[in-house]
PDB file of N, CA and C in Angstrom:
ATOM      1  N   MET A   1     -14.532 -53.117   2.112  1.00  0.00           N
ATOM      2  CA  MET A   1     -14.803 -53.795   0.860  1.00  0.00           C
ATOM      3  C   MET A   1     -13.998 -53.111  -0.246  1.00  0.00           C
ATOM      4  N   HIS A   2     -13.446 -53.897  -1.135  1.00  0.00           N
ATOM      5  CA  HIS A   2     -12.633 -53.385  -2.225  1.00  0.00           C
ATOM      6  C   HIS A   2     -13.514 -52.642  -3.233  1.00  0.00           C
ATOM      7  N   PRO A   3     -13.017 -51.562  -3.852  1.00  0.00           N
ATOM      8  CA  PRO A   3     -13.827 -50.816  -4.827  1.00  0.00           C
ATOM      9  C   PRO A   3     -14.302 -51.673  -6.001  1.00  0.00           C
ATOM     10  N   LEU A   4     -13.504 -52.640  -6.419  1.00  0.00           N
ATOM     11  CA  LEU A   4     -13.949 -53.504  -7.519  1.00  0.00           C
ATOM     12  C   LEU A   4     -15.092 -54.412  -7.078  1.00  0.00           C
ATOM     13  N   ASP A   5     -15.094 -54.813  -5.820  1.00  0.00           N
ATOM     14  CA  ASP A   5     -16.222 -55.595  -5.302  1.00  0.00           C
ATOM     15  C   ASP A   5     -17.493 -54.757  -5.283  1.00  0.00           C
ATOM     16  N   LEU A   6     -17.348 -53.494  -4.892  1.00  0.00           N
ATOM     17  CA  LEU A   6     -18.501 -52.597  -4.911  1.00  0.00           C
ATOM     18  C   LEU A   6     -19.032 -52.405  -6.331  1.00  0.00           C
ATOM     19  N   PHE A   7     -18.099 -52.222  -7.274  1.00  0.00           N
ATOM     20  CA  PHE A   7     -18.504 -52.076  -8.672  1.00  0.00           C
ATOM     21  C   PHE A   7     -19.194 -53.340  -9.175  1.00  0.00           C
ATOM     22  N   ASP A   8     -18.671 -54.494  -8.833  1.00  0.00           N
ATOM     23  CA  ASP A   8     -19.278 -55.746  -9.262  1.00  0.00           C
ATOM     24  C   ASP A   8     -20.676 -55.902  -8.673  1.00  0.00           C
ATOM     25  N   ARG A   9     -20.822 -55.569  -7.422  1.00  0.00           N
ATOM     26  CA  ARG A   9     -22.144 -55.650  -6.796  1.00  0.00           C
ATOM     27  C   ARG A   9     -23.128 -54.696  -7.483  1.00  0.00           C
ATOM     28  N   PHE A  10     -22.664 -53.461  -7.745  1.00  0.00           N
ATOM     29  CA  PHE A  10     -23.504 -52.489  -8.447  1.00  0.00           C
ATOM     30  C   PHE A  10     -23.893 -53.006  -9.830  1.00  0.00           C
ATOM     31  N   ARG A  11     -22.904 -53.524 -10.552  1.00  0.00           N
ATOM     32  CA  ARG A  11     -23.168 -54.017 -11.905  1.00  0.00           C
ATOM     33  C   ARG A  11     -24.164 -55.163 -11.884  1.00  0.00           C
ATOM     34  N   ARG A  12     -23.999 -56.093 -10.991  1.00  0.00           N
ATOM     35  CA  ARG A  12     -24.909 -57.235 -10.918  1.00  0.00           C
ATOM     36  C   ARG A  12     -26.317 -56.818 -10.506  1.00  0.00           C
ATOM     37  N   ASP A  13     -26.425 -55.827  -9.622  1.00  0.00           N
ATOM     38  CA  ASP A  13     -27.754 -55.384  -9.184  1.00  0.00           C
ATOM     39  C   ASP A  13     -28.480 -54.593 -10.263  1.00  0.00           C
ATOM     40  N   TRP A  14     -27.784 -53.658 -10.871  1.00  0.00           N
ATOM     41  CA  TRP A  14     -28.451 -52.765 -11.814  1.00  0.00           C
ATOM     42  C   TRP A  14     -28.594 -53.338 -13.211  1.00  0.00           C
ATOM     43  N   PHE A  15     -27.695 -54.192 -13.639  1.00  0.00           N
ATOM     44  CA  PHE A  15     -27.740 -54.702 -15.009  1.00  0.00           C
ATOM     45  C   PHE A  15     -28.155 -56.162 -15.083  1.00  0.00           C
ATOM     46  N   SER A  16     -28.694 -56.686 -14.028  1.00  0.00           N
ATOM     47  CA  SER A  16     -29.092 -58.101 -14.030  1.00  0.00           C
ATOM     48  C   SER A  16     -30.272 -58.363 -14.955  1.00  0.00           C
ATOM     49  N   TRP A  17     -31.040 -57.367 -15.255  1.00  0.00           N
ATOM     50  CA  TRP A  17     -32.201 -57.556 -16.119  1.00  0.00           C
ATOM     51  C   TRP A  17     -31.819 -57.578 -17.595  1.00  0.00           C
ATOM     52  N   LEU A  18     -30.572 -57.305 -17.924  1.00  0.00           N
ATOM     53  CA  LEU A  18     -30.100 -57.339 -19.310  1.00  0.00           C
ATOM     54  C   LEU A  18     -29.287 -58.602 -19.553  1.00  0.00           C
ATOM     55  N   PRO A  19     -29.896 -59.654 -20.062  1.00  0.00           N
ATOM     56  CA  PRO A  19     -29.153 -60.917 -20.262  1.00  0.00           C
ATOM     57  C   PRO A  19     -27.948 -60.805 -21.194  1.00  0.00           C
ATOM     58  N   PRO A  20     -27.999 -60.032 -22.309  1.00  0.00           N
ATOM     59  CA  PRO A  20     -26.792 -59.971 -23.161  1.00  0.00           C
ATOM     60  C   PRO A  20     -25.584 -59.381 -22.445  1.00  0.00           C
ATOM     61  N   LEU A  21     -25.794 -58.349 -21.621  1.00  0.00           N
ATOM     62  CA  LEU A  21     -24.660 -57.777 -20.901  1.00  0.00           C
ATOM     63  C   LEU A  21     -24.099 -58.749 -19.883  1.00  0.00           C
ATOM     64  N   GLN A  22     -24.968 -59.528 -19.295  1.00  0.00           N
ATOM     65  CA  GLN A  22     -24.499 -60.493 -18.313  1.00  0.00           C
ATOM     66  C   GLN A  22     -23.574 -61.518 -18.970  1.00  0.00           C
ATOM     67  N   ARG A  23     -23.900 -61.909 -20.175  1.00  0.00           N
ATOM     68  CA  ARG A  23     -23.051 -62.877 -20.876  1.00  0.00           C
ATOM     69  C   ARG A  23     -21.703 -62.263 -21.248  1.00  0.00           C
ATOM     70  N   ILE A  24     -21.657 -60.972 -21.539  1.00  0.00           N
ATOM     71  CA  ILE A  24     -20.394 -60.319 -21.875  1.00  0.00           C
ATOM     72  C   ILE A  24     -19.505 -60.231 -20.636  1.00  0.00           C
ATOM     73  N   TRP A  25     -20.094 -59.909 -19.498  1.00  0.00           N
ATOM     74  CA  TRP A  25     -19.317 -59.742 -18.275  1.00  0.00           C
ATOM     75  C   TRP A  25     -18.874 -61.066 -17.689  1.00  0.00           C
ATOM     76  N   ASP A  26     -19.725 -62.053 -17.721  1.00  0.00           N
ATOM     77  CA  ASP A  26     -19.457 -63.328 -17.054  1.00  0.00           C
ATOM     78  C   ASP A  26     -19.106 -64.392 -18.082  1.00  0.00           C
ATOM     79  N   ARG A  27     -17.878 -64.336 -18.561  1.00  0.00           N
ATOM     80  CA  ARG A  27     -17.430 -65.312 -19.548  1.00  0.00           C
ATOM     81  C   ARG A  27     -16.672 -66.433 -18.857  1.00  0.00           C
ATOM     82  N   SER A  28     -16.806 -67.615 -19.402  1.00  0.00           N
ATOM     83  CA  SER A  28     -16.099 -68.768 -18.853  1.00  0.00           C
ATOM     84  C   SER A  28     -14.676 -68.805 -19.422  1.00  0.00           C
ATOM     85  N   PRO A  29     -13.778 -69.555 -18.805  1.00  0.00           N
ATOM     86  CA  PRO A  29     -12.417 -69.671 -19.339  1.00  0.00           C
ATOM     87  C   PRO A  29     -12.388 -70.258 -20.759  1.00  0.00           C
ATOM     88  N   GLN A  30     -13.339 -71.128 -21.078  1.00  0.00           N
ATOM     89  CA  GLN A  30     -13.382 -71.703 -22.420  1.00  0.00           C
ATOM     90  C   GLN A  30     -13.731 -70.642 -23.463  1.00  0.00           C
ATOM     91  N   GLN A  31     -14.536 -69.665 -23.088  1.00  0.00           N
ATOM     92  CA  GLN A  31     -14.895 -68.603 -24.029  1.00  0.00           C
ATOM     93  C   GLN A  31     -13.749 -67.616 -24.226  1.00  0.00           C
ATOM     94  N   VAL A  32     -12.921 -67.443 -23.219  1.00  0.00           N
ATOM     95  CA  VAL A  32     -11.823 -66.488 -23.295  1.00  0.00           C
ATOM     96  C   VAL A  32     -10.594 -67.102 -23.971  1.00  0.00           C
ATOM     97  N   ALA A  33     -10.422 -68.384 -23.826  1.00  0.00           N
ATOM     98  CA  ALA A  33      -9.224 -69.060 -24.347  1.00  0.00           C
ATOM     99  C   ALA A  33      -9.151 -68.960 -25.866  1.00  0.00           C
ATOM    100  N   PRO A  34      -7.963 -68.737 -26.397  1.00  0.00           N
ATOM    101  CA  PRO A  34      -7.811 -68.677 -27.852  1.00  0.00           C
ATOM    102  C   PRO A  34      -7.878 -70.070 -28.476  1.00  0.00           C
ATOM    103  N   ASP A  35      -8.065 -70.092 -29.772  1.00  0.00           N
ATOM    104  CA  ASP A  35      -8.042 -71.345 -30.507  1.00  0.00           C
ATOM    105  C   ASP A  35      -6.640 -71.948 -30.406  1.00  0.00           C
ATOM    106  N   GLN A  36      -6.553 -73.255 -30.219  1.00  0.00           N
ATOM    107  CA  GLN A  36      -5.239 -73.882 -30.016  1.00  0.00           C
ATOM    108  C   GLN A  36      -4.332 -73.728 -31.221  1.00  0.00           C
ATOM    109  N   ALA A  37      -4.897 -73.603 -32.401  1.00  0.00           N
ATOM    110  CA  ALA A  37      -4.061 -73.426 -33.590  1.00  0.00           C
ATOM    111  C   ALA A  37      -3.357 -72.069 -33.583  1.00  0.00           C
ATOM    112  N   HIS A  38      -3.934 -71.080 -32.909  1.00  0.00           N
ATOM    113  CA  HIS A  38      -3.373 -69.731 -32.892  1.00  0.00           C
ATOM    114  C   HIS A  38      -2.813 -69.349 -31.532  1.00  0.00           C
ATOM    115  N   ASP A  39      -2.671 -70.292 -30.633  1.00  0.00           N
ATOM    116  CA  ASP A  39      -2.181 -69.998 -29.287  1.00  0.00           C
ATOM    117  C   ASP A  39      -0.662 -70.116 -29.261  1.00  0.00           C
ATOM    118  N   TRP A  40       0.024 -68.974 -29.247  1.00  0.00           N
ATOM    119  CA  TRP A  40       1.488 -68.990 -29.310  1.00  0.00           C
ATOM    120  C   TRP A  40       2.113 -69.375 -27.978  1.00  0.00           C
ATOM    121  N   LEU A  41       1.337 -69.428 -26.894  1.00  0.00           N
ATOM    122  CA  LEU A  41       1.898 -69.894 -25.624  1.00  0.00           C
ATOM    123  C   LEU A  41       2.107 -71.401 -25.607  1.00  0.00           C
ATOM    124  N   LEU A  42       1.432 -72.121 -26.495  1.00  0.00           N
ATOM    125  CA  LEU A  42       1.616 -73.565 -26.561  1.00  0.00           C
ATOM    126  C   LEU A  42       2.886 -73.952 -27.314  1.00  0.00           C
ATOM    127  N   GLU A  43       3.456 -73.002 -28.036  1.00  0.00           N
ATOM    128  CA  GLU A  43       4.709 -73.276 -28.743  1.00  0.00           C
ATOM    129  C   GLU A  43       5.838 -73.411 -27.720  1.00  0.00           C
ATOM    130  N   PRO A  44       6.794 -74.266 -27.969  1.00  0.00           N
ATOM    131  CA  PRO A  44       7.910 -74.399 -27.017  1.00  0.00           C
ATOM    132  C   PRO A  44       8.734 -73.110 -26.949  1.00  0.00           C
ATOM    133  N   VAL A  45       9.294 -72.880 -25.795  1.00  0.00           N
ATOM    134  CA  VAL A  45      10.101 -71.673 -25.592  1.00  0.00           C
ATOM    135  C   VAL A  45      11.433 -71.846 -26.307  1.00  0.00           C
ATOM    136  N   ASN A  46      11.816 -70.834 -27.050  1.00  0.00           N
ATOM    137  CA  ASN A  46      13.082 -70.837 -27.761  1.00  0.00           C
ATOM    138  C   ASN A  46      14.156 -70.279 -26.829  1.00  0.00           C
ATOM    139  N   ALA A  47      15.055 -71.138 -26.377  1.00  0.00           N
ATOM    140  CA  ALA A  47      16.077 -70.734 -25.412  1.00  0.00           C
ATOM    141  C   ALA A  47      17.050 -69.715 -26.015  1.00  0.00           C
ATOM    142  N   GLU A  48      17.358 -69.832 -27.298  1.00  0.00           N
ATOM    143  CA  GLU A  48      18.269 -68.882 -27.924  1.00  0.00           C
ATOM    144  C   GLU A  48      17.656 -67.487 -27.971  1.00  0.00           C
ATOM    145  N   GLU A  49      16.354 -67.437 -28.298  1.00  0.00           N
ATOM    146  CA  GLU A  49      15.660 -66.152 -28.321  1.00  0.00           C
ATOM    147  C   GLU A  49      15.596 -65.550 -26.920  1.00  0.00           C
ATOM    148  N   ALA A  50      15.367 -66.383 -25.929  1.00  0.00           N
ATOM    149  CA  ALA A  50      15.332 -65.907 -24.544  1.00  0.00           C
ATOM    150  C   ALA A  50      16.688 -65.342 -24.136  1.00  0.00           C
ATOM    151  N   CYS A  51      17.755 -66.004 -24.519  1.00  0.00           N
ATOM    152  CA  CYS A  51      19.095 -65.521 -24.172  1.00  0.00           C
ATOM    153  C   CYS A  51      19.421 -64.208 -24.888  1.00  0.00           C
ATOM    154  N   LEU A  52      18.905 -64.038 -26.106  1.00  0.00           N
ATOM    155  CA  LEU A  52      19.120 -62.781 -26.822  1.00  0.00           C
ATOM    156  C   LEU A  52      18.319 -61.638 -26.188  1.00  0.00           C
ATOM    157  N   LEU A  53      17.122 -61.939 -25.707  1.00  0.00           N
ATOM    158  CA  LEU A  53      16.297 -60.908 -25.081  1.00  0.00           C
ATOM    159  C   LEU A  53      16.820 -60.511 -23.702  1.00  0.00           C
ATOM    160  N   PHE A  54      17.384 -61.466 -23.000  1.00  0.00           N
ATOM    161  CA  PHE A  54      17.876 -61.228 -21.637  1.00  0.00           C
ATOM    162  C   PHE A  54      19.331 -61.688 -21.528  1.00  0.00           C
ATOM    163  N   PRO A  55      20.259 -60.949 -22.139  1.00  0.00           N
ATOM    164  CA  PRO A  55      21.661 -61.394 -22.137  1.00  0.00           C
ATOM    165  C   PRO A  55      22.321 -61.305 -20.762  1.00  0.00           C
ATOM    166  N   HIS A  56      21.757 -60.533 -19.858  1.00  0.00           N
ATOM    167  CA  HIS A  56      22.351 -60.369 -18.523  1.00  0.00           C
ATOM    168  C   HIS A  56      22.008 -61.534 -17.596  1.00  0.00           C
ATOM    169  N   LEU A  57      21.107 -62.432 -18.018  1.00  0.00           N
ATOM    170  CA  LEU A  57      20.707 -63.577 -17.199  1.00  0.00           C
ATOM    171  C   LEU A  57      21.337 -64.852 -17.731  1.00  0.00           C
ATOM    172  N   ASP A  58      21.487 -65.838 -16.860  1.00  0.00           N
ATOM    173  CA  ASP A  58      21.955 -67.127 -17.356  1.00  0.00           C
ATOM    174  C   ASP A  58      20.823 -67.801 -18.138  1.00  0.00           C
ATOM    175  N   ARG A  59      21.137 -68.906 -18.775  1.00  0.00           N
ATOM    176  CA  ARG A  59      20.196 -69.538 -19.709  1.00  0.00           C
ATOM    177  C   ARG A  59      18.871 -69.919 -19.043  1.00  0.00           C
ATOM    178  N   ASP A  60      18.909 -70.553 -17.890  1.00  0.00           N
ATOM    179  CA  ASP A  60      17.674 -70.996 -17.231  1.00  0.00           C
ATOM    180  C   ASP A  60      16.818 -69.812 -16.789  1.00  0.00           C
ATOM    181  N   ARG A  61      17.448 -68.808 -16.210  1.00  0.00           N
ATOM    182  CA  ARG A  61      16.697 -67.634 -15.760  1.00  0.00           C
ATOM    183  C   ARG A  61      16.149 -66.844 -16.949  1.00  0.00           C
ATOM    184  N   ALA A  62      16.869 -66.815 -18.048  1.00  0.00           N
ATOM    185  CA  ALA A  62      16.384 -66.127 -19.248  1.00  0.00           C
ATOM    186  C   ALA A  62      15.141 -66.819 -19.795  1.00  0.00           C
ATOM    187  N   VAL A  63      15.135 -68.147 -19.796  1.00  0.00           N
ATOM    188  CA  VAL A  63      13.964 -68.886 -20.274  1.00  0.00           C
ATOM    189  C   VAL A  63      12.766 -68.630 -19.364  1.00  0.00           C
ATOM    190  N   ILE A  64      12.992 -68.623 -18.054  1.00  0.00           N
ATOM    191  CA  ILE A  64      11.902 -68.354 -17.117  1.00  0.00           C
ATOM    192  C   ILE A  64      11.364 -66.939 -17.315  1.00  0.00           C
ATOM    193  N   ARG A  65      12.257 -65.976 -17.442  1.00  0.00           N
ATOM    194  CA  ARG A  65      11.817 -64.583 -17.633  1.00  0.00           C
ATOM    195  C   ARG A  65      11.104 -64.413 -18.965  1.00  0.00           C
ATOM    196  N   TYR A  66      11.549 -65.125 -19.986  1.00  0.00           N
ATOM    197  CA  TYR A  66      10.904 -65.070 -21.302  1.00  0.00           C
ATOM    198  C   TYR A  66       9.489 -65.629 -21.223  1.00  0.00           C
ATOM    199  N   GLN A  67       9.303 -66.710 -20.502  1.00  0.00           N
ATOM    200  CA  GLN A  67       7.971 -67.281 -20.342  1.00  0.00           C
ATOM    201  C   GLN A  67       7.079 -66.323 -19.540  1.00  0.00           C
ATOM    202  N   GLN A  68       7.632 -65.664 -18.532  1.00  0.00           N
ATOM    203  CA  GLN A  68       6.867 -64.664 -17.781  1.00  0.00           C
ATOM    204  C   GLN A  68       6.437 -63.519 -18.689  1.00  0.00           C
ATOM    205  N   LEU A  69       7.333 -63.097 -19.557  1.00  0.00           N
ATOM    206  CA  LEU A  69       7.016 -62.035 -20.501  1.00  0.00           C
ATOM    207  C   LEU A  69       5.877 -62.448 -21.424  1.00  0.00           C
ATOM    208  N   ARG A  70       5.920 -63.674 -21.896  1.00  0.00           N
ATOM    209  CA  ARG A  70       4.856 -64.168 -22.769  1.00  0.00           C
ATOM    210  C   ARG A  70       3.522 -64.200 -22.036  1.00  0.00           C
ATOM    211  N   LEU A  71       3.529 -64.615 -20.768  1.00  0.00           N
ATOM    212  CA  LEU A  71       2.290 -64.628 -19.984  1.00  0.00           C
ATOM    213  C   LEU A  71       1.776 -63.212 -19.730  1.00  0.00           C
ATOM    214  N   GLU A  72       2.678 -62.268 -19.489  1.00  0.00           N
ATOM    215  CA  GLU A  72       2.274 -60.879 -19.298  1.00  0.00           C
ATOM    216  C   GLU A  72       1.654 -60.316 -20.579  1.00  0.00           C
ATOM    217  N   MET A  73       2.216 -60.672 -21.718  1.00  0.00           N
ATOM    218  CA  MET A  73       1.649 -60.216 -22.981  1.00  0.00           C
ATOM    219  C   MET A  73       0.250 -60.792 -23.183  1.00  0.00           C
ATOM    220  N   ARG A  74       0.058 -62.037 -22.817  1.00  0.00           N
ATOM    221  CA  ARG A  74      -1.267 -62.658 -22.913  1.00  0.00           C
ATOM    222  C   ARG A  74      -2.249 -61.939 -22.002  1.00  0.00           C
ATOM    223  N   GLU A  75      -1.813 -61.609 -20.790  1.00  0.00           N
ATOM    224  CA  GLU A  75      -2.680 -60.932 -19.842  1.00  0.00           C
ATOM    225  C   GLU A  75      -3.028 -59.518 -20.328  1.00  0.00           C
ATOM    226  N   ASN A  76      -2.084 -58.836 -20.933  1.00  0.00           N
ATOM    227  CA  ASN A  76      -2.336 -57.496 -21.450  1.00  0.00           C
ATOM    228  C   ASN A  76      -3.299 -57.519 -22.631  1.00  0.00           C
ATOM    229  N   ASP A  77      -3.388 -58.641 -23.319  1.00  0.00           N
ATOM    230  CA  ASP A  77      -4.346 -58.766 -24.426  1.00  0.00           C
ATOM    231  C   ASP A  77      -5.748 -59.046 -23.906  1.00  0.00           C
ATOM    232  N   SER A  78      -5.908 -59.117 -22.575  1.00  0.00           N
ATOM    233  CA  SER A  78      -7.204 -59.383 -21.928  1.00  0.00           C
ATOM    234  C   SER A  78      -7.772 -60.724 -22.343  1.00  0.00           C
ATOM    235  N   ARG A  79      -6.901 -61.687 -22.530  1.00  0.00           N
ATOM    236  CA  ARG A  79      -7.380 -63.017 -22.912  1.00  0.00           C
ATOM    237  C   ARG A  79      -7.315 -63.992 -21.764  1.00  0.00           C
ATOM    238  N   GLY A  80      -6.756 -63.594 -20.656  1.00  0.00           N
ATOM    239  CA  GLY A  80      -6.674 -64.530 -19.532  1.00  0.00           C
ATOM    240  C   GLY A  80      -5.584 -65.545 -19.726  1.00  0.00           C
ATOM    241  N   PHE A  81      -5.611 -66.594 -18.892  1.00  0.00           N
ATOM    242  CA  PHE A  81      -4.561 -67.606 -18.940  1.00  0.00           C
ATOM    243  C   PHE A  81      -5.115 -68.917 -19.408  1.00  0.00           C
TER     244      PHE A  81
END
């Protein structure tokens, strides 16, 4: 069993009697998602900016890598996808 599975089992067993903590741990995607007005991932990808960030790649690969970078930044903010 994976250590995170063990931790999850422990957390669910020992903290199940605390409803507020359960709501913090078990959030739905709608609760994690940012407001659409402030979601910069919904903005179209700027190909010129991608080419400036990744000059060693061709245009299509630079755009793909730029979008990957944006998704990684979102994930690092602990906001999910």
